[in-house]
C-alpha atoms as a PDB file:
ATOM      1  CA  UNK A   1       9.295 -16.284 -18.229  1.00  0.00           C
ATOM      2  CA  UNK A   2       9.756 -12.975 -16.714  1.00  0.00           C
ATOM      3  CA  UNK A   3      10.682 -10.446 -19.234  1.00  0.00           C
ATOM      4  CA  UNK A   4      12.777  -6.914 -18.781  1.00  0.00           C
ATOM      5  CA  UNK A   5       9.722  -5.256 -18.816  1.00  0.00           C
ATOM      6  CA  UNK A   6       8.046  -7.256 -16.254  1.00  0.00           C
ATOM      7  CA  UNK A   7      10.836  -7.014 -14.037  1.00  0.00           C
ATOM      8  CA  UNK A   8      11.048  -3.215 -14.517  1.00  0.00           C
ATOM      9  CA  UNK A   9       7.499  -3.191 -13.357  1.00  0.00           C
ATOM     10  CA  UNK A  10       7.627  -5.460 -10.601  1.00  0.00           C
ATOM     11  CA  UNK A  11      10.831  -2.880  -9.078  1.00  0.00           C
ATOM     12  CA  UNK A  12       8.741   0.070  -9.595  1.00  0.00           C
ATOM     13  CA  UNK A  13       6.062  -1.322  -7.969  1.00  0.00           C
ATOM     14  CA  UNK A  14       7.693  -2.672  -4.825  1.00  0.00           C
ATOM     15  CA  UNK A  15       9.147   0.969  -4.339  1.00  0.00           C
ATOM     16  CA  UNK A  16       5.364   2.387  -3.909  1.00  0.00           C
ATOM     17  CA  UNK A  17       3.354  -0.141  -2.313  1.00  0.00           C
ATOM     18  CA  UNK A  18       3.932   1.527   1.112  1.00  0.00           C
ATOM     19  CA  UNK A  19       2.904   4.657  -0.293  1.00  0.00           C
ATOM     20  CA  UNK A  20      -0.390   2.344  -2.008  1.00  0.00           C
ATOM     21  CA  UNK A  21      -0.987   0.903   1.381  1.00  0.00           C
ATOM     22  CA  UNK A  22      -1.671   3.970   3.247  1.00  0.00           C
ATOM     23  CA  UNK A  23      -3.710   5.743   0.422  1.00  0.00           C
ATOM     24  CA  UNK A  24      -6.182   2.742   0.484  1.00  0.00           C
ATOM     25  CA  UNK A  25      -6.391   2.756   4.018  1.00  0.00           C
ATOM     26  CA  UNK A  26      -6.844   6.725   4.124  1.00  0.00           C
ATOM     27  CA  UNK A  27     -10.121   6.070   2.576  1.00  0.00           C
ATOM     28  CA  UNK A  28     -11.473   3.540   4.774  1.00  0.00           C
ATOM     29  CA  UNK A  29     -10.191   0.806   7.326  1.00  0.00           C
ATOM     30  CA  UNK A  30      -9.757  -2.594   5.478  1.00  0.00           C
ATOM     31  CA  UNK A  31      -8.567  -6.076   6.097  1.00  0.00           C
ATOM     32  CA  UNK A  32      -5.553  -7.815   4.090  1.00  0.00           C
ATOM     33  CA  UNK A  33      -7.810  -9.347   1.509  1.00  0.00           C
ATOM     34  CA  UNK A  34      -9.344  -6.209   0.459  1.00  0.00           C
ATOM     35  CA  UNK A  35      -6.108  -4.438   0.322  1.00  0.00           C
ATOM     36  CA  UNK A  36      -5.047  -7.088  -1.841  1.00  0.00           C
ATOM     37  CA  UNK A  37      -8.118  -6.564  -3.785  1.00  0.00           C
ATOM     38  CA  UNK A  38      -7.724  -3.076  -4.128  1.00  0.00           C
ATOM     39  CA  UNK A  39      -3.922  -3.340  -5.463  1.00  0.00           C
ATOM     40  CA  UNK A  40      -5.254  -5.918  -8.086  1.00  0.00           C
ATOM     41  CA  UNK A  41      -8.007  -3.802  -9.305  1.00  0.00           C
ATOM     42  CA  UNK A  42      -5.209  -0.912  -9.798  1.00  0.00           C
ATOM     43  CA  UNK A  43      -3.015  -3.126 -11.519  1.00  0.00           C
ATOM     44  CA  UNK A  44      -0.556  -3.376  -8.754  1.00  0.00           C
ATOM     45  CA  UNK A  45      -0.484  -7.228  -8.504  1.00  0.00           C
ATOM     46  CA  UNK A  46       0.621  -8.229  -4.949  1.00  0.00           C
ATOM     47  CA  UNK A  47       0.795 -11.724  -3.213  1.00  0.00           C
ATOM     48  CA  UNK A  48      -0.518 -12.053   0.373  1.00  0.00           C
ATOM     49  CA  UNK A  49       3.431 -12.926   1.321  1.00  0.00           C
ATOM     50  CA  UNK A  50       4.374  -9.480   0.078  1.00  0.00           C
ATOM     51  CA  UNK A  51       1.506  -8.011   1.990  1.00  0.00           C
ATOM     52  CA  UNK A  52       1.857  -8.940   5.273  1.00  0.00           C
ATOM     53  CA  UNK A  53       5.408  -7.782   6.010  1.00  0.00           C
ATOM     54  CA  UNK A  54       4.810  -4.587   4.679  1.00  0.00           C
ATOM     55  CA  UNK A  55       1.257  -4.336   7.056  1.00  0.00           C
ATOM     56  CA  UNK A  56       3.451  -5.663  10.041  1.00  0.00           C
ATOM     57  CA  UNK A  57       6.522  -2.947   9.286  1.00  0.00           C
ATOM     58  CA  UNK A  58       3.860   0.024   8.599  1.00  0.00           C
ATOM     59  CA  UNK A  59       2.293  -1.220  12.578  1.00  0.00           C
ATOM     60  CA  UNK A  60       5.459  -1.196  14.147  1.00  0.00           C
ATOM     61  CA  UNK A  61       6.470   2.160  12.477  1.00  0.00           C
ATOM     62  CA  UNK A  62       2.934   3.489  14.108  1.00  0.00           C
ATOM     63  CA  UNK A  63       1.501   4.118  10.662  1.00  0.00           C
ATOM     64  CA  UNK A  64      -1.431   2.111  11.021  1.00  0.00           C
ATOM     65  CA  UNK A  65      -3.366   0.130  13.777  1.00  0.00           C
ATOM     66  CA  UNK A  66      -5.520  -2.686  13.668  1.00  0.00           C
ATOM     67  CA  UNK A  67      -8.852  -4.049  15.584  1.00  0.00           C
ATOM     68  CA  UNK A  68     -10.603  -7.455  15.373  1.00  0.00           C
ATOM     69  CA  UNK A  69     -13.911  -7.684  14.180  1.00  0.00           C
ATOM     70  CA  UNK A  70     -16.264 -10.909  13.905  1.00  0.00           C
ATOM     71  CA  UNK A  71     -16.860 -12.046  10.437  1.00  0.00           C
ATOM     72  CA  UNK A  72     -20.055 -13.538   9.226  1.00  0.00           C
ATOM     73  CA  UNK A  73     -18.111 -15.888   7.091  1.00  0.00           C
ATOM     74  CA  UNK A  74     -15.292 -17.524   9.344  1.00  0.00           C
ATOM     75  CA  UNK A  75     -12.745 -16.484  11.918  1.00  0.00           C
ATOM     76  CA  UNK A  76     -12.407 -12.862  12.873  1.00  0.00           C
ATOM     77  CA  UNK A  77     -10.949 -10.490  10.754  1.00  0.00           C
ATOM     78  CA  UNK A  78      -7.873  -8.057  11.516  1.00  0.00           C
ATOM     79  CA  UNK A  79      -9.089  -4.485  10.123  1.00  0.00           C
ATOM     80  CA  UNK A  80      -6.244  -2.288   9.377  1.00  0.00           C
ATOM     81  CA  UNK A  81      -6.914   1.655  10.307  1.00  0.00           C
ATOM     82  CA  UNK A  82      -4.336   4.441   9.125  1.00  0.00           C
ATOM     83  CA  UNK A  83      -3.015   6.292  12.348  1.00  0.00           C
ATOM     84  CA  UNK A  84      -2.501   9.979  12.425  1.00  0.00           C
ATOM     85  CA  UNK A  85       1.186   9.531  12.123  1.00  0.00           C
ATOM     86  CA  UNK A  86       0.238   7.454   9.272  1.00  0.00           C
ATOM     87  CA  UNK A  87      -1.602  10.498   7.471  1.00  0.00           C
ATOM     88  CA  UNK A  88       1.025  12.771   7.997  1.00  0.00           C
ATOM     89  CA  UNK A  89       3.614  10.306   6.425  1.00  0.00           C
ATOM     90  CA  UNK A  90       0.989   9.872   3.521  1.00  0.00           C
ATOM     91  CA  UNK A  91       0.974  13.712   3.071  1.00  0.00           C
ATOM     92  CA  UNK A  92       4.909  13.558   2.719  1.00  0.00           C
ATOM     93  CA  UNK A  93       4.627  10.661   0.205  1.00  0.00           C
ATOM     94  CA  UNK A  94       2.056  12.774  -1.873  1.00  0.00           C
ATOM     95  CA  UNK A  95       4.355  15.727  -1.881  1.00  0.00           C
ATOM     96  CA  UNK A  96       7.438  13.552  -2.662  1.00  0.00           C
ATOM     97  CA  UNK A  97       5.773  11.347  -5.261  1.00  0.00           C
ATOM     98  CA  UNK A  98       4.569  15.001  -7.070  1.00  0.00           C
ATOM     99  CA  UNK A  99       7.919  15.863  -7.188  1.00  0.00           C
ATOM    100  CA  UNK A 100       9.305  12.905  -8.575  1.00  0.00           C
ATOM    101  CA  UNK A 101       6.587  12.777 -11.232  1.00  0.00           C
ATOM    102  CA  UNK A 102       7.287  16.686 -12.022  1.00  0.00           C
ATOM    103  CA  UNK A 103      11.200  15.738 -12.311  1.00  0.00           C
ATOM    104  CA  UNK A 104      10.457  12.903 -14.414  1.00  0.00           C
ATOM    105  CA  UNK A 105       8.325  14.869 -16.795  1.00  0.00           C
ATOM    106  CA  UNK A 106      10.842  17.772 -16.946  1.00  0.00           C
ATOM    107  CA  UNK A 107      13.785  15.118 -17.765  1.00  0.00           C
ATOM    108  CA  UNK A 108      11.062  13.579 -20.689  1.00  0.00           C
ATOM    109  CA  UNK A 109      10.501  16.890 -22.374  1.00  0.00           C
END
């Protein structure tokens, strides 16, 4: 049973997932399973059904692209890569995030 606290965390996570995806891809290209793994390591638990629509939306916005690579274990993998437009958007998100953190800190004091 989901608690109010769980619901609050889930809603906040949804709001920053696109930012998190660009942050991950800014470090290195990755395929969907490895992006999920990075999000899980950071306690930003996400399921594939949530991740794929976000990746498609970001690709359609020109924020990322992908390439296929043969896999030693199974079918080829789709590797996602951040674009120049994606890096620019990430920079704007970094600024907006910092402004929000500063505002919240100001309100909490």
